Amino acid sequence: MPPHPSPHPSHPCRRSRGSEGPVPPSLRRRRRGAEGFTLVELLVVLAIIGLLATVVVVNVLPAQNTARIQKAKADIALIEQGLELYRLETGRYPDAGEGLAILTQPTAVGAPLKRLPEDPWGRPYNYAQPGRDGRPFDIWTWGADGTEGGDGDAADIGNW
């Protein structure tokens, strides 16, 4: 049998210890302490997060105020329906002394409302009976500022 041909000098079996030659980047080890991100990289990421947060806040806050106003209008419409159900069952609207709380009390057919909602700012809705300008009742909230009058987000919201 002929002798086994010797491998080529650059063949991995022929390398001697300590003469591995160039090591590919994927196999290189990092120096101790060279792991992680640089300070500049972290600052760039923080700057980008800050810019994104600013854009979100600028676009979301006005939508939140609009949503509160829409919720107040929807709540007032719901209370109006409860008042109409109460009138159909009892033949009258509750007077100002009874207030809106009576809408959660059971009648012969059941309570017109399961619970009385608060306005979006955490205050109870106001009720007057009779209402202004010939209306049978008024329901309103003072808006974001909690006082009569106001403009924009602080404007009063009612069924008028």
N, C-alpha and C. Protein backbone atom coordinates (compact mmCIF):
# COMPACT_ATOMS: atom_id res chain seq x y z
N MET A 1 0.85 -1.16 0.00
CA MET A 1 0.00 0.00 0.00
C MET A 1 0.89 1.23 0.00
N PRO A 2 0.55 2.20 -0.86
CA PRO A 2 1.39 3.39 -0.94
C PRO A 2 1.23 4.23 0.31
N PRO A 3 2.22 4.98 0.66
CA PRO A 3 2.11 5.83 1.85
C PRO A 3 1.04 6.90 1.65
N HIS A 4 0.45 7.25 2.76
CA HIS A 4 -0.62 8.26 2.71
C HIS A 4 0.01 9.60 2.36
N PRO A 5 -0.57 10.28 1.35
CA PRO A 5 0.03 11.56 0.98
C PRO A 5 -0.08 12.54 2.15
N SER A 6 0.93 13.28 2.37
CA SER A 6 0.90 14.26 3.45
C SER A 6 0.03 15.44 3.05
N PRO A 7 -0.69 15.96 3.99
CA PRO A 7 -1.56 17.10 3.67
C PRO A 7 -0.74 18.31 3.27
N HIS A 8 -1.43 19.19 2.59
CA HIS A 8 -0.85 20.45 2.13
C HIS A 8 -0.40 21.26 3.34
N PRO A 9 0.66 22.03 3.27
CA PRO A 9 1.14 22.78 4.43
C PRO A 9 0.10 23.70 5.05
N SER A 10 -0.89 24.21 4.26
CA SER A 10 -1.89 25.12 4.85
C SER A 10 -3.10 24.37 5.38
N HIS A 11 -3.10 23.06 5.24
CA HIS A 11 -4.22 22.25 5.74
C HIS A 11 -4.28 22.36 7.25
N PRO A 12 -5.52 22.39 7.84
CA PRO A 12 -5.64 22.59 9.28
C PRO A 12 -4.90 21.55 10.11
N CYS A 13 -4.74 20.35 9.57
CA CYS A 13 -4.06 19.31 10.35
C CYS A 13 -2.57 19.58 10.43
N ARG A 14 -2.00 20.39 9.56
CA ARG A 14 -0.58 20.65 9.53
C ARG A 14 -0.19 21.88 10.32
N ARG A 15 -1.15 22.64 10.79
CA ARG A 15 -0.81 23.86 11.52
C ARG A 15 -0.20 23.49 12.86
N SER A 16 0.76 24.22 13.22
CA SER A 16 1.36 24.01 14.53
C SER A 16 0.71 24.97 15.51
N ARG A 17 0.83 24.64 16.77
CA ARG A 17 0.23 25.49 17.79
C ARG A 17 0.83 26.87 17.76
N GLY A 18 -0.05 27.90 17.90
CA GLY A 18 0.42 29.27 17.94
C GLY A 18 0.58 29.89 16.57
N SER A 19 0.40 29.15 15.53
CA SER A 19 0.54 29.75 14.19
C SER A 19 -0.77 29.56 13.45
N GLU A 20 -1.87 29.96 14.07
CA GLU A 20 -3.17 29.78 13.43
C GLU A 20 -3.38 30.71 12.26
N GLY A 21 -2.68 31.76 12.15
CA GLY A 21 -2.90 32.70 11.06
C GLY A 21 -4.03 33.64 11.40
N PRO A 22 -4.57 34.34 10.40
CA PRO A 22 -5.65 35.31 10.68
C PRO A 22 -6.92 34.58 11.14
N VAL A 23 -7.54 35.14 12.15
CA VAL A 23 -8.78 34.58 12.68
C VAL A 23 -9.93 35.38 12.10
N PRO A 24 -10.96 34.69 11.58
CA PRO A 24 -12.10 35.43 11.03
C PRO A 24 -12.76 36.29 12.11
N PRO A 25 -13.40 37.44 11.70
CA PRO A 25 -14.00 38.35 12.69
C PRO A 25 -15.06 37.68 13.55
N SER A 26 -15.79 36.72 13.00
CA SER A 26 -16.85 36.08 13.77
C SER A 26 -16.30 35.24 14.91
N LEU A 27 -15.03 34.83 14.84
CA LEU A 27 -14.45 34.00 15.88
C LEU A 27 -13.56 34.77 16.84
N ARG A 28 -13.32 36.02 16.56
CA ARG A 28 -12.48 36.83 17.44
C ARG A 28 -13.17 37.08 18.76
N ARG A 29 -12.40 37.09 19.79
CA ARG A 29 -12.94 37.42 21.11
C ARG A 29 -12.71 38.90 21.37
N ARG A 30 -13.71 39.46 22.04
CA ARG A 30 -13.54 40.88 22.41
C ARG A 30 -12.65 40.97 23.63
N ARG A 31 -11.98 42.09 23.70
CA ARG A 31 -11.16 42.35 24.88
C ARG A 31 -12.07 42.55 26.07
N ARG A 32 -11.56 42.24 27.21
CA ARG A 32 -12.33 42.44 28.43
C ARG A 32 -12.64 43.94 28.58
N GLY A 33 -13.91 44.28 28.84
CA GLY A 33 -14.31 45.67 28.99
C GLY A 33 -14.74 46.32 27.68
N ALA A 34 -14.63 45.62 26.56
CA ALA A 34 -15.01 46.20 25.27
C ALA A 34 -16.40 45.77 24.87
N GLU A 35 -17.19 45.25 25.79
CA GLU A 35 -18.53 44.77 25.49
C GLU A 35 -19.54 45.88 25.71
N GLY A 36 -20.69 45.80 25.03
CA GLY A 36 -21.75 46.76 25.24
C GLY A 36 -21.72 47.89 24.21
N PHE A 37 -22.43 48.96 24.55
CA PHE A 37 -22.57 50.10 23.65
C PHE A 37 -21.68 51.25 24.11
N THR A 38 -21.33 52.08 23.17
CA THR A 38 -20.55 53.26 23.53
C THR A 38 -21.47 54.34 24.05
N LEU A 39 -20.92 55.32 24.69
CA LEU A 39 -21.71 56.42 25.23
C LEU A 39 -22.40 57.18 24.11
N VAL A 40 -21.74 57.37 23.00
CA VAL A 40 -22.33 58.09 21.87
C VAL A 40 -23.55 57.33 21.34
N GLU A 41 -23.44 56.01 21.23
CA GLU A 41 -24.58 55.23 20.76
C GLU A 41 -25.77 55.36 21.71
N LEU A 42 -25.52 55.30 23.00
CA LEU A 42 -26.60 55.45 23.97
C LEU A 42 -27.23 56.83 23.90
N LEU A 43 -26.43 57.87 23.73
CA LEU A 43 -26.97 59.23 23.64
C LEU A 43 -27.81 59.41 22.39
N VAL A 44 -27.40 58.81 21.29
CA VAL A 44 -28.19 58.90 20.05
C VAL A 44 -29.53 58.21 20.24
N VAL A 45 -29.54 57.04 20.86
CA VAL A 45 -30.80 56.33 21.10
C VAL A 45 -31.70 57.14 22.02
N LEU A 46 -31.15 57.72 23.07
CA LEU A 46 -31.96 58.54 23.98
C LEU A 46 -32.53 59.77 23.28
N ALA A 47 -31.75 60.38 22.40
CA ALA A 47 -32.24 61.54 21.65
C ALA A 47 -33.40 61.14 20.74
N ILE A 48 -33.29 60.00 20.09
CA ILE A 48 -34.38 59.53 19.22
C ILE A 48 -35.63 59.23 20.03
N ILE A 49 -35.47 58.58 21.18
CA ILE A 49 -36.63 58.30 22.03
C ILE A 49 -37.27 59.59 22.51
N GLY A 50 -36.48 60.59 22.85
CA GLY A 50 -37.02 61.88 23.26
C GLY A 50 -37.82 62.56 22.16
N LEU A 51 -37.30 62.51 20.94
CA LEU A 51 -38.03 63.10 19.81
C LEU A 51 -39.35 62.37 19.57
N LEU A 52 -39.33 61.04 19.61
CA LEU A 52 -40.56 60.28 19.41
C LEU A 52 -41.58 60.57 20.50
N ALA A 53 -41.12 60.68 21.75
CA ALA A 53 -42.03 60.99 22.85
C ALA A 53 -42.67 62.37 22.67
N THR A 54 -41.90 63.33 22.21
CA THR A 54 -42.43 64.67 21.97
C THR A 54 -43.51 64.64 20.90
N VAL A 55 -43.27 63.92 19.82
CA VAL A 55 -44.26 63.83 18.74
C VAL A 55 -45.54 63.18 19.25
N VAL A 56 -45.41 62.12 20.05
CA VAL A 56 -46.59 61.44 20.57
C VAL A 56 -47.38 62.37 21.50
N VAL A 57 -46.70 63.06 22.39
CA VAL A 57 -47.39 63.94 23.34
C VAL A 57 -48.11 65.07 22.60
N VAL A 58 -47.46 65.65 21.61
CA VAL A 58 -48.07 66.76 20.87
C VAL A 58 -49.31 66.30 20.12
N ASN A 59 -49.31 65.06 19.63
CA ASN A 59 -50.46 64.56 18.87
C ASN A 59 -51.54 63.93 19.73
N VAL A 60 -51.20 63.39 20.89
CA VAL A 60 -52.18 62.68 21.72
C VAL A 60 -52.95 63.60 22.65
N LEU A 61 -52.31 64.60 23.24
CA LEU A 61 -53.01 65.45 24.20
C LEU A 61 -54.23 66.16 23.63
N PRO A 62 -54.17 66.76 22.44
CA PRO A 62 -55.40 67.36 21.90
C PRO A 62 -56.49 66.32 21.65
N ALA A 63 -56.12 65.12 21.26
CA ALA A 63 -57.11 64.07 21.02
C ALA A 63 -57.77 63.66 22.34
N GLN A 64 -57.02 63.68 23.43
CA GLN A 64 -57.57 63.33 24.73
C GLN A 64 -58.63 64.35 25.16
N ASN A 65 -58.37 65.63 24.94
CA ASN A 65 -59.36 66.66 25.29
C ASN A 65 -60.61 66.52 24.44
N THR A 66 -60.44 66.25 23.15
CA THR A 66 -61.59 66.04 22.28
C THR A 66 -62.39 64.83 22.73
N ALA A 67 -61.71 63.77 23.13
CA ALA A 67 -62.40 62.56 23.60
C ALA A 67 -63.20 62.85 24.87
N ARG A 68 -62.67 63.66 25.76
CA ARG A 68 -63.41 64.01 26.98
C ARG A 68 -64.69 64.78 26.65
N ILE A 69 -64.60 65.70 25.73
CA ILE A 69 -65.78 66.48 25.33
C ILE A 69 -66.82 65.55 24.70
N GLN A 70 -66.37 64.63 23.85
CA GLN A 70 -67.30 63.69 23.21
C GLN A 70 -67.94 62.76 24.25
N LYS A 71 -67.16 62.34 25.25
CA LYS A 71 -67.71 61.49 26.30
C LYS A 71 -68.77 62.25 27.09
N ALA A 72 -68.52 63.51 27.38
CA ALA A 72 -69.52 64.30 28.12
C ALA A 72 -70.81 64.40 27.31
N LYS A 73 -70.71 64.64 26.01
CA LYS A 73 -71.91 64.72 25.18
C LYS A 73 -72.66 63.40 25.14
N ALA A 74 -71.93 62.29 25.06
CA ALA A 74 -72.56 60.97 25.05
C ALA A 74 -73.23 60.68 26.40
N ASP A 75 -72.57 61.04 27.51
CA ASP A 75 -73.16 60.85 28.84
C ASP A 75 -74.44 61.66 28.98
N ILE A 76 -74.44 62.88 28.51
CA ILE A 76 -75.63 63.73 28.61
C ILE A 76 -76.78 63.13 27.81
N ALA A 77 -76.48 62.59 26.63
CA ALA A 77 -77.51 61.94 25.82
C ALA A 77 -78.06 60.71 26.55
N LEU A 78 -77.19 59.96 27.21
CA LEU A 78 -77.63 58.78 27.97
C LEU A 78 -78.53 59.20 29.13
N ILE A 79 -78.15 60.25 29.84
CA ILE A 79 -78.97 60.72 30.96
C ILE A 79 -80.32 61.23 30.45
N GLU A 80 -80.32 61.90 29.30
CA GLU A 80 -81.59 62.35 28.69
C GLU A 80 -82.51 61.16 28.42
N GLN A 81 -81.94 60.07 27.90
CA GLN A 81 -82.75 58.88 27.65
C GLN A 81 -83.30 58.31 28.95
N GLY A 82 -82.46 58.30 29.99
CA GLY A 82 -82.93 57.84 31.29
C GLY A 82 -84.06 58.71 31.83
N LEU A 83 -83.95 60.01 31.65
CA LEU A 83 -85.02 60.92 32.09
C LEU A 83 -86.31 60.67 31.31
N GLU A 84 -86.20 60.41 30.02
CA GLU A 84 -87.40 60.12 29.22
C GLU A 84 -88.05 58.81 29.66
N LEU A 85 -87.23 57.79 29.94
CA LEU A 85 -87.78 56.53 30.46
C LEU A 85 -88.49 56.75 31.79
N TYR A 86 -87.87 57.54 32.65
CA TYR A 86 -88.47 57.85 33.95
C TYR A 86 -89.82 58.54 33.76
N ARG A 87 -89.87 59.50 32.83
CA ARG A 87 -91.12 60.22 32.57
C ARG A 87 -92.19 59.28 32.02
N LEU A 88 -91.79 58.34 31.15
CA LEU A 88 -92.77 57.40 30.61
C LEU A 88 -93.33 56.48 31.69
N GLU A 89 -92.51 56.14 32.68
CA GLU A 89 -92.96 55.23 33.74
C GLU A 89 -93.73 55.95 34.84
N THR A 90 -93.37 57.21 35.14
CA THR A 90 -93.99 57.91 36.26
C THR A 90 -94.91 59.05 35.83
N GLY A 91 -94.83 59.47 34.59
CA GLY A 91 -95.66 60.56 34.10
C GLY A 91 -95.07 61.94 34.37
N ARG A 92 -93.86 62.00 34.89
CA ARG A 92 -93.24 63.30 35.18
C ARG A 92 -91.72 63.15 35.17
N TYR A 93 -91.05 64.29 35.07
CA TYR A 93 -89.59 64.32 35.22
C TYR A 93 -89.26 64.49 36.70
N PRO A 94 -88.13 63.99 37.15
CA PRO A 94 -87.78 64.24 38.55
C PRO A 94 -87.54 65.74 38.77
N ASP A 95 -87.94 66.22 39.94
CA ASP A 95 -87.68 67.64 40.22
C ASP A 95 -86.23 67.82 40.65
N ALA A 96 -85.82 69.06 40.79
CA ALA A 96 -84.41 69.35 41.11
C ALA A 96 -84.01 68.78 42.47
N GLY A 97 -84.97 68.68 43.41
CA GLY A 97 -84.67 68.12 44.72
C GLY A 97 -84.35 66.63 44.63
N GLU A 98 -85.06 65.90 43.78
CA GLU A 98 -84.79 64.47 43.61
C GLU A 98 -83.47 64.25 42.85
N GLY A 99 -83.22 65.14 41.92
CA GLY A 99 -81.98 65.08 41.15
C GLY A 99 -81.88 63.87 40.24
N LEU A 100 -80.71 63.71 39.68
CA LEU A 100 -80.47 62.62 38.74
C LEU A 100 -80.30 61.27 39.43
N ALA A 101 -80.02 61.28 40.73
CA ALA A 101 -79.80 60.02 41.45
C ALA A 101 -81.03 59.12 41.41
N ILE A 102 -82.20 59.72 41.27
CA ILE A 102 -83.42 58.92 41.24
C ILE A 102 -83.48 58.01 40.01
N LEU A 103 -82.69 58.32 39.00
CA LEU A 103 -82.69 57.48 37.79
C LEU A 103 -82.07 56.11 38.04
N THR A 104 -81.35 55.94 39.12
CA THR A 104 -80.76 54.65 39.45
C THR A 104 -81.64 53.84 40.40
N GLN A 105 -82.75 54.43 40.86
CA GLN A 105 -83.67 53.74 41.77
C GLN A 105 -84.66 52.91 40.95
N PRO A 106 -84.98 51.71 41.42
CA PRO A 106 -85.93 50.87 40.67
C PRO A 106 -87.33 51.49 40.64
N THR A 107 -87.96 51.36 39.50
CA THR A 107 -89.37 51.74 39.33
C THR A 107 -90.14 50.45 39.07
N ALA A 108 -91.38 50.55 38.64
CA ALA A 108 -92.19 49.36 38.38
C ALA A 108 -91.56 48.49 37.29
N VAL A 109 -90.88 49.10 36.36
CA VAL A 109 -90.29 48.36 35.23
C VAL A 109 -88.79 48.14 35.43
N GLY A 110 -88.17 48.82 36.34
CA GLY A 110 -86.73 48.72 36.57
C GLY A 110 -86.11 50.11 36.57
N ALA A 111 -84.87 50.18 36.94
CA ALA A 111 -84.18 51.48 37.00
C ALA A 111 -83.87 51.96 35.58
N PRO A 112 -84.13 53.23 35.28
CA PRO A 112 -83.80 53.75 33.95
C PRO A 112 -82.30 53.68 33.64
N LEU A 113 -81.45 53.85 34.66
CA LEU A 113 -80.00 53.76 34.47
C LEU A 113 -79.42 52.82 35.54
N LYS A 114 -78.44 52.01 35.14
CA LYS A 114 -77.78 51.14 36.12
C LYS A 114 -76.96 51.97 37.11
N ARG A 115 -76.24 52.93 36.56
CA ARG A 115 -75.46 53.82 37.40
C ARG A 115 -75.41 55.19 36.73
N LEU A 116 -75.22 56.18 37.53
CA LEU A 116 -75.15 57.55 37.04
C LEU A 116 -73.70 57.89 36.72
N PRO A 117 -73.39 58.24 35.47
CA PRO A 117 -71.98 58.52 35.14
C PRO A 117 -71.54 59.86 35.72
N GLU A 118 -70.23 59.95 35.96
CA GLU A 118 -69.63 61.24 36.31
C GLU A 118 -69.13 61.87 35.02
N ASP A 119 -68.94 63.18 35.05
CA ASP A 119 -68.38 63.82 33.86
C ASP A 119 -66.91 63.38 33.69
N PRO A 120 -66.32 63.62 32.53
CA PRO A 120 -64.95 63.15 32.29
C PRO A 120 -63.91 63.73 33.25
N TRP A 121 -64.27 64.75 33.98
CA TRP A 121 -63.34 65.38 34.92
C TRP A 121 -63.61 64.93 36.36
N GLY A 122 -64.48 63.91 36.53
CA GLY A 122 -64.71 63.32 37.85
C GLY A 122 -65.76 64.01 38.70
N ARG A 123 -66.58 64.87 38.12
CA ARG A 123 -67.61 65.57 38.88
C ARG A 123 -69.00 65.09 38.45
N PRO A 124 -70.00 65.21 39.32
CA PRO A 124 -71.36 64.82 38.91
C PRO A 124 -71.94 65.83 37.90
N TYR A 125 -72.83 65.33 37.06
CA TYR A 125 -73.51 66.22 36.11
C TYR A 125 -74.54 67.05 36.87
N ASN A 126 -74.78 68.24 36.37
CA ASN A 126 -75.76 69.16 36.96
C ASN A 126 -77.11 68.93 36.30
N TYR A 127 -78.17 69.16 37.08
CA TYR A 127 -79.54 68.94 36.58
C TYR A 127 -80.44 70.06 37.09
N ALA A 128 -81.24 70.60 36.19
CA ALA A 128 -82.23 71.61 36.57
C ALA A 128 -83.55 71.22 35.91
N GLN A 129 -84.63 71.36 36.68
CA GLN A 129 -85.97 71.08 36.15
C GLN A 129 -86.92 72.10 36.76
N PRO A 130 -87.55 72.93 35.99
CA PRO A 130 -87.53 73.00 34.52
C PRO A 130 -86.23 73.63 34.01
N GLY A 131 -85.99 73.42 32.74
CA GLY A 131 -84.79 73.96 32.12
C GLY A 131 -85.01 75.36 31.59
N ARG A 132 -83.96 75.90 31.00
CA ARG A 132 -84.05 77.25 30.42
C ARG A 132 -84.77 77.21 29.08
N ASP A 133 -85.25 78.35 28.65
CA ASP A 133 -85.84 78.54 27.32
C ASP A 133 -86.96 77.53 27.03
N GLY A 134 -87.74 77.16 28.03
CA GLY A 134 -88.90 76.31 27.82
C GLY A 134 -88.59 74.81 27.75
N ARG A 135 -87.36 74.42 27.92
CA ARG A 135 -87.03 72.99 27.92
C ARG A 135 -87.53 72.37 29.22
N PRO A 136 -87.90 71.06 29.17
CA PRO A 136 -88.38 70.43 30.40
C PRO A 136 -87.28 70.24 31.45
N PHE A 137 -86.02 70.14 31.01
CA PHE A 137 -84.91 69.98 31.95
C PHE A 137 -83.61 70.37 31.26
N ASP A 138 -82.60 70.64 32.06
CA ASP A 138 -81.25 70.90 31.56
C ASP A 138 -80.29 69.93 32.27
N ILE A 139 -79.36 69.42 31.52
CA ILE A 139 -78.27 68.60 32.07
C ILE A 139 -76.99 69.22 31.53
N TRP A 140 -76.00 69.43 32.42
CA TRP A 140 -74.76 70.03 31.94
C TRP A 140 -73.59 69.71 32.86
N THR A 141 -72.42 69.98 32.34
CA THR A 141 -71.20 69.93 33.12
C THR A 141 -70.47 71.25 32.88
N TRP A 142 -69.70 71.67 33.87
CA TRP A 142 -69.00 72.94 33.76
C TRP A 142 -67.73 72.84 32.90
N GLY A 143 -67.39 71.66 32.42
CA GLY A 143 -66.20 71.52 31.58
C GLY A 143 -64.95 71.29 32.41
N ALA A 144 -63.81 71.43 31.76
CA ALA A 144 -62.53 71.09 32.38
C ALA A 144 -62.21 71.96 33.60
N ASP A 145 -62.61 73.23 33.58
CA ASP A 145 -62.24 74.11 34.69
C ASP A 145 -63.20 74.01 35.88
N GLY A 146 -64.35 73.38 35.71
CA GLY A 146 -65.29 73.20 36.81
C GLY A 146 -66.04 74.45 37.22
N THR A 147 -65.96 75.51 36.42
CA THR A 147 -66.69 76.74 36.73
C THR A 147 -67.55 77.13 35.54
N GLU A 148 -68.56 77.95 35.81
CA GLU A 148 -69.48 78.37 34.76
C GLU A 148 -68.76 79.21 33.71
N GLY A 149 -69.14 79.00 32.46
CA GLY A 149 -68.54 79.75 31.36
C GLY A 149 -67.25 79.11 30.92
N GLY A 150 -66.52 79.81 30.10
CA GLY A 150 -65.23 79.30 29.63
C GLY A 150 -65.24 79.05 28.13
N ASP A 151 -64.06 78.88 27.60
CA ASP A 151 -63.89 78.63 26.17
C ASP A 151 -63.08 77.36 25.97
N GLY A 152 -63.17 76.79 24.78
CA GLY A 152 -62.38 75.62 24.43
C GLY A 152 -62.67 74.45 25.34
N ASP A 153 -61.63 73.87 25.93
CA ASP A 153 -61.79 72.72 26.81
C ASP A 153 -62.53 73.08 28.09
N ALA A 154 -62.51 74.33 28.47
CA ALA A 154 -63.17 74.78 29.70
C ALA A 154 -64.62 75.18 29.47
N ALA A 155 -65.13 75.06 28.23
CA ALA A 155 -66.50 75.47 27.93
C ALA A 155 -67.50 74.51 28.59
N ASP A 156 -68.64 75.06 28.96
CA ASP A 156 -69.71 74.26 29.52
C ASP A 156 -70.30 73.39 28.42
N ILE A 157 -70.71 72.17 28.80
CA ILE A 157 -71.28 71.23 27.85
C ILE A 157 -72.64 70.82 28.41
N GLY A 158 -73.68 70.97 27.60
CA GLY A 158 -75.02 70.63 28.07
C GLY A 158 -75.91 70.17 26.95
N ASN A 159 -77.19 69.94 27.31
CA ASN A 159 -78.17 69.49 26.33
C ASN A 159 -78.88 70.65 25.64
N TRP A 160 -78.34 71.83 25.77
CA TRP A 160 -78.96 72.97 25.10
C TRP A 160 -78.36 73.24 23.77
